[in-house]
Amino acid sequence: MDSDIVSGYRPGVVGRITEMHGTYYSRHWGFGLFFESRVAVELSEFLNRFDESHDGIWVAAVNGKTVGSIVIDGKGADREGARLRWFIIEPACHGTGIGNRLMEKAVGFCRKAGFPSVHLSTFVGLDAARHLYEKWGFTLQGEHEGDQWGSVVLEQIFRLDLR
């Protein structure tokens, strides 16, 4: 599958990333309005304070349509490490290498920026994503039951040390 990876804000990116998250997590995990609106609000807030010196956003596009995204939130990264967020690939594009290419952009950005580490929050059951995180050197730091997603799940924190 031929895809382009583009960086930075593009018109429609907030809506499309929110739509991909809302649709996927509703269909597969039963998440609803709470989750989708949280994605929209937090992604909008991130982009409104976006600073290319420590933040990054990349989208994968096939025939001009956004089919994947990944974000590095570098706010406070010099102390706490960067945060990987909003990583998603359309199910029809799973297994095509798009996820690996997006991870390459995000981790490369963190290394170039000199961040000490990068971390992410996820939950048990997203096995393909976990495989990719571990392939890139992320290790599980802890698990706890939580409801930040709008439903109770076993949350996981992964971290990649870069120094």
N, C-alpha and C. Protein backbone atom coordinates (compact mmCIF):
# COMPACT_ATOMS: atom_id res chain seq x y z
N MET A 1 0.85 -1.18 0.00
CA MET A 1 0.00 0.00 0.00
C MET A 1 0.89 1.23 0.00
N ASP A 2 0.70 2.09 -0.96
CA ASP A 2 1.50 3.30 -1.09
C ASP A 2 0.89 4.40 -0.23
N SER A 3 1.68 4.90 0.71
CA SER A 3 1.18 5.95 1.60
C SER A 3 2.22 7.04 1.75
N ASP A 4 1.74 8.22 2.07
CA ASP A 4 2.60 9.37 2.35
C ASP A 4 2.51 9.67 3.84
N ILE A 5 3.64 10.05 4.44
CA ILE A 5 3.66 10.51 5.82
C ILE A 5 3.94 12.01 5.76
N VAL A 6 3.03 12.79 6.31
CA VAL A 6 3.20 14.24 6.31
C VAL A 6 3.20 14.75 7.74
N SER A 7 3.99 15.78 7.99
CA SER A 7 4.08 16.32 9.34
C SER A 7 3.37 17.67 9.42
N GLY A 8 2.95 17.99 10.63
CA GLY A 8 2.33 19.27 10.89
C GLY A 8 0.82 19.26 10.71
N TYR A 9 0.23 20.34 11.10
CA TYR A 9 -1.21 20.50 11.00
C TYR A 9 -1.65 20.55 9.54
N ARG A 10 -2.77 19.92 9.26
CA ARG A 10 -3.45 20.00 7.96
C ARG A 10 -4.94 20.21 8.25
N PRO A 11 -5.63 21.00 7.44
CA PRO A 11 -7.07 21.17 7.66
C PRO A 11 -7.78 19.81 7.71
N GLY A 12 -8.64 19.66 8.68
CA GLY A 12 -9.41 18.43 8.85
C GLY A 12 -8.77 17.40 9.74
N VAL A 13 -7.51 17.63 10.17
CA VAL A 13 -6.80 16.60 10.93
C VAL A 13 -7.44 16.36 12.31
N VAL A 14 -7.93 17.39 12.96
CA VAL A 14 -8.56 17.20 14.27
C VAL A 14 -9.79 16.31 14.13
N GLY A 15 -10.63 16.63 13.17
CA GLY A 15 -11.84 15.84 12.96
C GLY A 15 -11.54 14.42 12.54
N ARG A 16 -10.57 14.23 11.65
CA ARG A 16 -10.27 12.89 11.13
C ARG A 16 -9.64 12.00 12.20
N ILE A 17 -8.69 12.54 12.97
CA ILE A 17 -8.08 11.74 14.04
C ILE A 17 -9.13 11.39 15.09
N THR A 18 -9.98 12.35 15.42
CA THR A 18 -11.06 12.09 16.38
C THR A 18 -12.00 11.04 15.83
N GLU A 19 -12.37 11.14 14.56
CA GLU A 19 -13.26 10.16 13.94
C GLU A 19 -12.67 8.76 13.97
N MET A 20 -11.39 8.63 13.63
CA MET A 20 -10.76 7.30 13.64
C MET A 20 -10.79 6.70 15.04
N HIS A 21 -10.46 7.51 16.04
CA HIS A 21 -10.48 7.01 17.43
C HIS A 21 -11.90 6.66 17.86
N GLY A 22 -12.84 7.57 17.62
CA GLY A 22 -14.23 7.33 18.04
C GLY A 22 -14.80 6.08 17.42
N THR A 23 -14.60 5.91 16.12
CA THR A 23 -15.14 4.76 15.40
C THR A 23 -14.50 3.46 15.86
N TYR A 24 -13.18 3.42 15.88
CA TYR A 24 -12.47 2.19 16.25
C TYR A 24 -12.80 1.76 17.68
N TYR A 25 -12.67 2.69 18.62
CA TYR A 25 -12.84 2.31 20.02
C TYR A 25 -14.30 2.07 20.39
N SER A 26 -15.22 2.63 19.67
CA SER A 26 -16.63 2.30 19.87
C SER A 26 -16.90 0.88 19.38
N ARG A 27 -16.46 0.60 18.19
CA ARG A 27 -16.70 -0.71 17.57
C ARG A 27 -16.05 -1.85 18.34
N HIS A 28 -14.81 -1.66 18.76
CA HIS A 28 -14.04 -2.75 19.36
C HIS A 28 -14.04 -2.78 20.88
N TRP A 29 -14.33 -1.64 21.54
CA TRP A 29 -14.22 -1.58 22.98
C TRP A 29 -15.45 -0.98 23.66
N GLY A 30 -16.42 -0.53 22.89
CA GLY A 30 -17.64 0.01 23.47
C GLY A 30 -17.49 1.40 24.06
N PHE A 31 -16.40 2.10 23.73
CA PHE A 31 -16.23 3.46 24.22
C PHE A 31 -17.22 4.37 23.50
N GLY A 32 -17.66 5.41 24.20
CA GLY A 32 -18.69 6.28 23.63
C GLY A 32 -18.30 7.74 23.59
N LEU A 33 -19.30 8.58 23.81
CA LEU A 33 -19.15 10.02 23.71
C LEU A 33 -18.05 10.56 24.62
N PHE A 34 -17.95 10.05 25.83
CA PHE A 34 -16.92 10.54 26.76
C PHE A 34 -15.54 10.44 26.13
N PHE A 35 -15.22 9.29 25.57
CA PHE A 35 -13.91 9.07 24.97
C PHE A 35 -13.70 9.94 23.73
N GLU A 36 -14.66 9.91 22.82
CA GLU A 36 -14.51 10.66 21.57
C GLU A 36 -14.37 12.16 21.84
N SER A 37 -15.17 12.69 22.75
CA SER A 37 -15.09 14.13 23.02
C SER A 37 -13.78 14.47 23.72
N ARG A 38 -13.28 13.55 24.53
CA ARG A 38 -11.98 13.79 25.20
C ARG A 38 -10.86 13.85 24.16
N VAL A 39 -10.88 12.94 23.19
CA VAL A 39 -9.89 12.98 22.12
C VAL A 39 -9.95 14.33 21.40
N ALA A 40 -11.15 14.76 21.03
CA ALA A 40 -11.32 16.02 20.29
C ALA A 40 -10.82 17.21 21.09
N VAL A 41 -11.19 17.29 22.35
CA VAL A 41 -10.80 18.42 23.19
C VAL A 41 -9.29 18.44 23.41
N GLU A 42 -8.72 17.30 23.81
CA GLU A 42 -7.30 17.27 24.12
C GLU A 42 -6.43 17.45 22.88
N LEU A 43 -6.84 16.90 21.75
CA LEU A 43 -6.10 17.09 20.51
C LEU A 43 -6.17 18.56 20.08
N SER A 44 -7.33 19.17 20.20
CA SER A 44 -7.47 20.59 19.88
C SER A 44 -6.60 21.46 20.78
N GLU A 45 -6.62 21.17 22.07
CA GLU A 45 -5.79 21.92 23.01
C GLU A 45 -4.30 21.77 22.66
N PHE A 46 -3.89 20.54 22.34
CA PHE A 46 -2.50 20.30 21.96
C PHE A 46 -2.12 21.13 20.74
N LEU A 47 -2.93 21.08 19.70
CA LEU A 47 -2.60 21.80 18.46
C LEU A 47 -2.61 23.31 18.66
N ASN A 48 -3.44 23.82 19.56
CA ASN A 48 -3.47 25.25 19.83
C ASN A 48 -2.23 25.75 20.58
N ARG A 49 -1.50 24.84 21.24
CA ARG A 49 -0.26 25.23 21.91
C ARG A 49 0.96 24.60 21.23
N PHE A 50 0.75 24.01 20.07
CA PHE A 50 1.79 23.31 19.33
C PHE A 50 3.02 24.19 19.13
N ASP A 51 4.19 23.62 19.44
CA ASP A 51 5.47 24.29 19.25
C ASP A 51 6.39 23.29 18.57
N GLU A 52 6.71 23.55 17.31
CA GLU A 52 7.47 22.57 16.52
C GLU A 52 8.86 22.29 17.09
N SER A 53 9.34 23.09 18.04
CA SER A 53 10.64 22.80 18.64
C SER A 53 10.58 21.61 19.59
N HIS A 54 9.38 21.30 20.11
CA HIS A 54 9.29 20.14 21.01
C HIS A 54 8.02 19.30 20.82
N ASP A 55 7.20 19.62 19.85
CA ASP A 55 5.99 18.84 19.57
C ASP A 55 6.03 18.35 18.13
N GLY A 56 5.39 17.22 17.88
CA GLY A 56 5.31 16.71 16.52
C GLY A 56 3.99 16.02 16.26
N ILE A 57 3.52 16.15 15.04
CA ILE A 57 2.33 15.42 14.60
C ILE A 57 2.58 14.95 13.18
N TRP A 58 2.29 13.68 12.94
CA TRP A 58 2.45 13.08 11.62
C TRP A 58 1.20 12.31 11.27
N VAL A 59 0.78 12.41 10.03
CA VAL A 59 -0.36 11.63 9.56
C VAL A 59 0.06 10.83 8.34
N ALA A 60 -0.51 9.66 8.23
CA ALA A 60 -0.32 8.82 7.05
C ALA A 60 -1.54 9.00 6.16
N ALA A 61 -1.28 9.18 4.88
CA ALA A 61 -2.37 9.38 3.92
C ALA A 61 -2.23 8.40 2.76
N VAL A 62 -3.35 7.83 2.36
CA VAL A 62 -3.43 6.97 1.18
C VAL A 62 -4.42 7.62 0.24
N ASN A 63 -3.97 7.93 -0.96
CA ASN A 63 -4.81 8.63 -1.94
C ASN A 63 -5.44 9.90 -1.35
N GLY A 64 -4.66 10.61 -0.53
CA GLY A 64 -5.11 11.86 0.05
C GLY A 64 -5.96 11.73 1.30
N LYS A 65 -6.34 10.52 1.69
CA LYS A 65 -7.17 10.32 2.87
C LYS A 65 -6.31 9.93 4.06
N THR A 66 -6.49 10.60 5.19
CA THR A 66 -5.75 10.28 6.40
C THR A 66 -6.19 8.91 6.91
N VAL A 67 -5.20 8.01 7.07
CA VAL A 67 -5.48 6.65 7.53
C VAL A 67 -4.71 6.30 8.81
N GLY A 68 -3.93 7.25 9.31
CA GLY A 68 -3.19 6.99 10.53
C GLY A 68 -2.60 8.27 11.08
N SER A 69 -2.26 8.23 12.37
CA SER A 69 -1.67 9.40 13.01
C SER A 69 -0.81 8.99 14.18
N ILE A 70 0.10 9.88 14.53
CA ILE A 70 0.90 9.75 15.75
C ILE A 70 1.32 11.15 16.17
N VAL A 71 1.39 11.37 17.46
CA VAL A 71 1.72 12.69 18.00
C VAL A 71 2.77 12.53 19.09
N ILE A 72 3.71 13.47 19.13
CA ILE A 72 4.63 13.60 20.26
C ILE A 72 4.31 14.91 20.94
N ASP A 73 3.93 14.81 22.19
CA ASP A 73 3.66 15.97 23.03
C ASP A 73 4.91 16.20 23.88
N GLY A 74 5.65 17.25 23.55
CA GLY A 74 6.91 17.50 24.22
C GLY A 74 6.84 18.48 25.38
N LYS A 75 5.64 18.85 25.78
CA LYS A 75 5.49 19.76 26.92
C LYS A 75 6.10 19.12 28.16
N GLY A 76 7.11 19.76 28.73
CA GLY A 76 7.78 19.23 29.92
C GLY A 76 8.69 18.06 29.65
N ALA A 77 9.00 17.78 28.40
CA ALA A 77 9.77 16.59 28.04
C ALA A 77 11.18 16.59 28.59
N ASP A 78 11.76 17.76 28.79
CA ASP A 78 13.12 17.81 29.31
C ASP A 78 13.20 17.26 30.73
N ARG A 79 12.10 17.30 31.47
CA ARG A 79 12.05 16.78 32.84
C ARG A 79 11.39 15.40 32.91
N GLU A 80 10.25 15.25 32.24
CA GLU A 80 9.41 14.06 32.39
C GLU A 80 9.47 13.12 31.20
N GLY A 81 10.12 13.52 30.14
CA GLY A 81 10.08 12.75 28.90
C GLY A 81 8.89 13.18 28.07
N ALA A 82 8.96 12.91 26.79
CA ALA A 82 7.87 13.26 25.88
C ALA A 82 6.74 12.24 26.03
N ARG A 83 5.58 12.60 25.53
CA ARG A 83 4.43 11.71 25.58
C ARG A 83 3.98 11.38 24.16
N LEU A 84 3.88 10.10 23.85
CA LEU A 84 3.36 9.65 22.56
C LEU A 84 1.85 9.54 22.70
N ARG A 85 1.11 10.15 21.76
CA ARG A 85 -0.35 10.19 21.86
C ARG A 85 -0.99 9.99 20.49
N TRP A 86 -2.24 9.66 20.50
CA TRP A 86 -3.11 9.59 19.32
C TRP A 86 -2.51 8.78 18.17
N PHE A 87 -1.94 7.64 18.54
CA PHE A 87 -1.39 6.72 17.55
C PHE A 87 -2.51 5.77 17.13
N ILE A 88 -2.86 5.82 15.87
CA ILE A 88 -3.93 4.97 15.37
C ILE A 88 -3.73 4.75 13.87
N ILE A 89 -4.11 3.56 13.44
CA ILE A 89 -4.06 3.19 12.02
C ILE A 89 -5.43 2.61 11.68
N GLU A 90 -5.99 3.04 10.56
CA GLU A 90 -7.25 2.45 10.09
C GLU A 90 -7.09 0.94 9.99
N PRO A 91 -8.06 0.16 10.46
CA PRO A 91 -7.94 -1.30 10.40
C PRO A 91 -7.61 -1.85 9.01
N ALA A 92 -8.13 -1.24 7.95
CA ALA A 92 -7.83 -1.71 6.59
C ALA A 92 -6.36 -1.55 6.24
N CYS A 93 -5.63 -0.75 7.01
CA CYS A 93 -4.21 -0.50 6.74
C CYS A 93 -3.28 -1.21 7.72
N HIS A 94 -3.86 -2.00 8.63
CA HIS A 94 -3.02 -2.76 9.56
C HIS A 94 -2.15 -3.73 8.76
N GLY A 95 -0.92 -3.90 9.21
CA GLY A 95 -0.02 -4.84 8.57
C GLY A 95 0.65 -4.33 7.30
N THR A 96 0.48 -3.06 6.99
CA THR A 96 1.06 -2.50 5.76
C THR A 96 2.38 -1.78 5.99
N GLY A 97 2.80 -1.64 7.24
CA GLY A 97 4.02 -0.93 7.57
C GLY A 97 3.81 0.53 7.92
N ILE A 98 2.59 1.01 7.79
CA ILE A 98 2.31 2.41 8.10
C ILE A 98 2.60 2.71 9.56
N GLY A 99 2.18 1.84 10.45
CA GLY A 99 2.42 2.05 11.88
C GLY A 99 3.90 2.14 12.19
N ASN A 100 4.69 1.27 11.59
CA ASN A 100 6.13 1.28 11.80
C ASN A 100 6.75 2.59 11.29
N ARG A 101 6.28 3.07 10.15
CA ARG A 101 6.79 4.33 9.60
C ARG A 101 6.43 5.51 10.49
N LEU A 102 5.23 5.51 11.05
CA LEU A 102 4.84 6.58 11.96
C LEU A 102 5.67 6.53 13.24
N MET A 103 5.91 5.33 13.78
CA MET A 103 6.75 5.19 14.96
C MET A 103 8.17 5.69 14.68
N GLU A 104 8.67 5.39 13.49
CA GLU A 104 10.01 5.85 13.11
C GLU A 104 10.09 7.38 13.16
N LYS A 105 9.08 8.05 12.64
CA LYS A 105 9.04 9.52 12.67
C LYS A 105 9.02 10.02 14.11
N ALA A 106 8.15 9.45 14.93
CA ALA A 106 7.97 9.93 16.30
C ALA A 106 9.21 9.69 17.16
N VAL A 107 9.74 8.48 17.13
CA VAL A 107 10.92 8.16 17.95
C VAL A 107 12.13 8.94 17.43
N GLY A 108 12.28 9.05 16.12
CA GLY A 108 13.38 9.83 15.56
C GLY A 108 13.32 11.28 16.00
N PHE A 109 12.12 11.85 16.02
CA PHE A 109 11.94 13.23 16.48
C PHE A 109 12.39 13.36 17.93
N CYS A 110 12.00 12.41 18.78
CA CYS A 110 12.36 12.47 20.20
C CYS A 110 13.87 12.37 20.39
N ARG A 111 14.50 11.50 19.62
CA ARG A 111 15.97 11.37 19.71
C ARG A 111 16.65 12.67 19.27
N LYS A 112 16.21 13.22 18.15
CA LYS A 112 16.81 14.45 17.61
C LYS A 112 16.61 15.61 18.59
N ALA A 113 15.46 15.66 19.26
CA ALA A 113 15.17 16.72 20.22
C ALA A 113 15.96 16.56 21.52
N GLY A 114 16.56 15.39 21.72
CA GLY A 114 17.35 15.14 22.93
C GLY A 114 16.52 14.83 24.16
N PHE A 115 15.29 14.38 23.96
CA PHE A 115 14.45 14.03 25.10
C PHE A 115 15.06 12.84 25.84
N PRO A 116 14.94 12.82 27.17
CA PRO A 116 15.49 11.69 27.92
C PRO A 116 14.71 10.39 27.71
N SER A 117 13.42 10.53 27.43
CA SER A 117 12.57 9.36 27.27
C SER A 117 11.27 9.76 26.59
N VAL A 118 10.49 8.75 26.23
CA VAL A 118 9.14 8.97 25.71
C VAL A 118 8.25 7.90 26.34
N HIS A 119 7.04 8.29 26.73
CA HIS A 119 6.13 7.35 27.38
C HIS A 119 4.75 7.45 26.74
N LEU A 120 3.94 6.44 27.00
CA LEU A 120 2.58 6.41 26.47
C LEU A 120 1.68 5.65 27.41
N SER A 121 0.39 5.97 27.34
CA SER A 121 -0.64 5.26 28.09
C SER A 121 -1.48 4.47 27.11
N THR A 122 -1.78 3.24 27.45
CA THR A 122 -2.62 2.38 26.64
C THR A 122 -3.38 1.46 27.58
N PHE A 123 -3.92 0.38 27.06
CA PHE A 123 -4.59 -0.57 27.94
C PHE A 123 -4.47 -1.98 27.38
N VAL A 124 -4.67 -2.95 28.24
CA VAL A 124 -4.56 -4.36 27.88
C VAL A 124 -5.56 -4.70 26.78
N GLY A 125 -5.09 -5.43 25.78
CA GLY A 125 -5.95 -5.88 24.70
C GLY A 125 -5.58 -5.31 23.35
N LEU A 126 -4.77 -4.26 23.33
CA LEU A 126 -4.35 -3.67 22.06
C LEU A 126 -3.02 -4.32 21.65
N ASP A 127 -3.11 -5.61 21.32
CA ASP A 127 -1.92 -6.43 21.14
C ASP A 127 -1.03 -6.01 19.97
N ALA A 128 -1.62 -5.63 18.85
CA ALA A 128 -0.80 -5.22 17.70
C ALA A 128 -0.01 -3.96 18.03
N ALA A 129 -0.64 -3.02 18.71
CA ALA A 129 0.05 -1.79 19.11
C ALA A 129 1.16 -2.12 20.11
N ARG A 130 0.86 -2.99 21.06
CA ARG A 130 1.88 -3.36 22.06
C ARG A 130 3.08 -3.99 21.36
N HIS A 131 2.83 -4.86 20.40
CA HIS A 131 3.93 -5.49 19.66
C HIS A 131 4.81 -4.42 19.01
N LEU A 132 4.20 -3.42 18.42
CA LEU A 132 4.96 -2.35 17.77
C LEU A 132 5.74 -1.53 18.80
N TYR A 133 5.12 -1.21 19.94
CA TYR A 133 5.82 -0.46 20.98
C TYR A 133 7.06 -1.24 21.44
N GLU A 134 6.88 -2.52 21.69
CA GLU A 134 8.00 -3.33 22.16
C GLU A 134 9.07 -3.48 21.09
N LYS A 135 8.67 -3.58 19.84
CA LYS A 135 9.63 -3.64 18.74
C LYS A 135 10.53 -2.40 18.74
N TRP A 136 9.97 -1.26 19.10
CA TRP A 136 10.72 -0.01 19.13
C TRP A 136 11.44 0.23 20.45
N GLY A 137 11.38 -0.74 21.37
CA GLY A 137 12.14 -0.67 22.61
C GLY A 137 11.38 -0.16 23.82
N PHE A 138 10.09 0.10 23.70
CA PHE A 138 9.30 0.50 24.86
C PHE A 138 9.15 -0.69 25.80
N THR A 139 9.19 -0.42 27.08
CA THR A 139 8.98 -1.47 28.08
C THR A 139 7.82 -1.08 28.99
N LEU A 140 7.11 -2.10 29.44
CA LEU A 140 5.97 -1.90 30.34
C LEU A 140 6.49 -1.45 31.69
N GLN A 141 5.98 -0.31 32.16
CA GLN A 141 6.39 0.26 33.44
C GLN A 141 5.40 -0.02 34.55
N GLY A 142 4.15 -0.29 34.19
CA GLY A 142 3.16 -0.55 35.21
C GLY A 142 1.77 -0.71 34.64
N GLU A 143 0.91 -1.33 35.44
CA GLU A 143 -0.49 -1.53 35.07
C GLU A 143 -1.36 -1.18 36.26
N HIS A 144 -2.53 -0.62 35.99
CA HIS A 144 -3.50 -0.35 37.03
C HIS A 144 -4.88 -0.21 36.40
N GLU A 145 -5.88 -0.52 37.19
CA GLU A 145 -7.24 -0.36 36.71
C GLU A 145 -7.59 1.12 36.71
N GLY A 146 -8.19 1.57 35.61
CA GLY A 146 -8.53 2.98 35.53
C GLY A 146 -9.69 3.21 34.57
N ASP A 147 -10.23 4.43 34.61
CA ASP A 147 -11.38 4.74 33.77
C ASP A 147 -11.18 6.02 32.96
N GLN A 148 -9.92 6.40 32.71
CA GLN A 148 -9.66 7.62 31.95
C GLN A 148 -10.20 7.54 30.52
N TRP A 149 -10.53 6.34 30.07
CA TRP A 149 -11.01 6.14 28.70
C TRP A 149 -12.54 6.20 28.63
N GLY A 150 -13.18 6.31 29.80
CA GLY A 150 -14.63 6.35 29.84
C GLY A 150 -15.24 5.01 30.20
N SER A 151 -14.42 3.97 30.24
CA SER A 151 -14.80 2.62 30.67
C SER A 151 -13.65 2.11 31.53
N VAL A 152 -13.94 1.19 32.41
CA VAL A 152 -12.89 0.62 33.25
C VAL A 152 -12.10 -0.39 32.43
N VAL A 153 -10.78 -0.17 32.37
CA VAL A 153 -9.85 -1.06 31.66
C VAL A 153 -8.60 -1.20 32.50
N LEU A 154 -7.76 -2.17 32.14
CA LEU A 154 -6.46 -2.33 32.78
C LEU A 154 -5.47 -1.47 31.99
N GLU A 155 -5.19 -0.29 32.53
CA GLU A 155 -4.31 0.66 31.86
C GLU A 155 -2.86 0.22 31.98
N GLN A 156 -2.06 0.61 30.98
CA GLN A 156 -0.65 0.29 30.96
C GLN A 156 0.14 1.55 30.62
N ILE A 157 1.31 1.67 31.21
CA ILE A 157 2.25 2.74 30.91
C ILE A 157 3.49 2.07 30.31
N PHE A 158 3.88 2.52 29.12
CA PHE A 158 5.11 2.06 28.47
C PHE A 158 6.08 3.22 28.37
N ARG A 159 7.36 2.91 28.42
CA ARG A 159 8.39 3.95 28.36
C ARG A 159 9.57 3.46 27.54
N LEU A 160 10.16 4.41 26.83
CA LEU A 160 11.38 4.17 26.06
C LEU A 160 12.42 5.16 26.54
N ASP A 161 13.51 4.65 27.14
CA ASP A 161 14.61 5.51 27.55
C ASP A 161 15.46 5.81 26.32
N LEU A 162 15.81 7.08 26.16
CA LEU A 162 16.55 7.50 24.97
C LEU A 162 17.99 7.90 25.30
N ARG A 163 18.37 7.84 26.52
CA ARG A 163 19.76 8.20 26.91
C ARG A 163 20.46 7.04 27.54
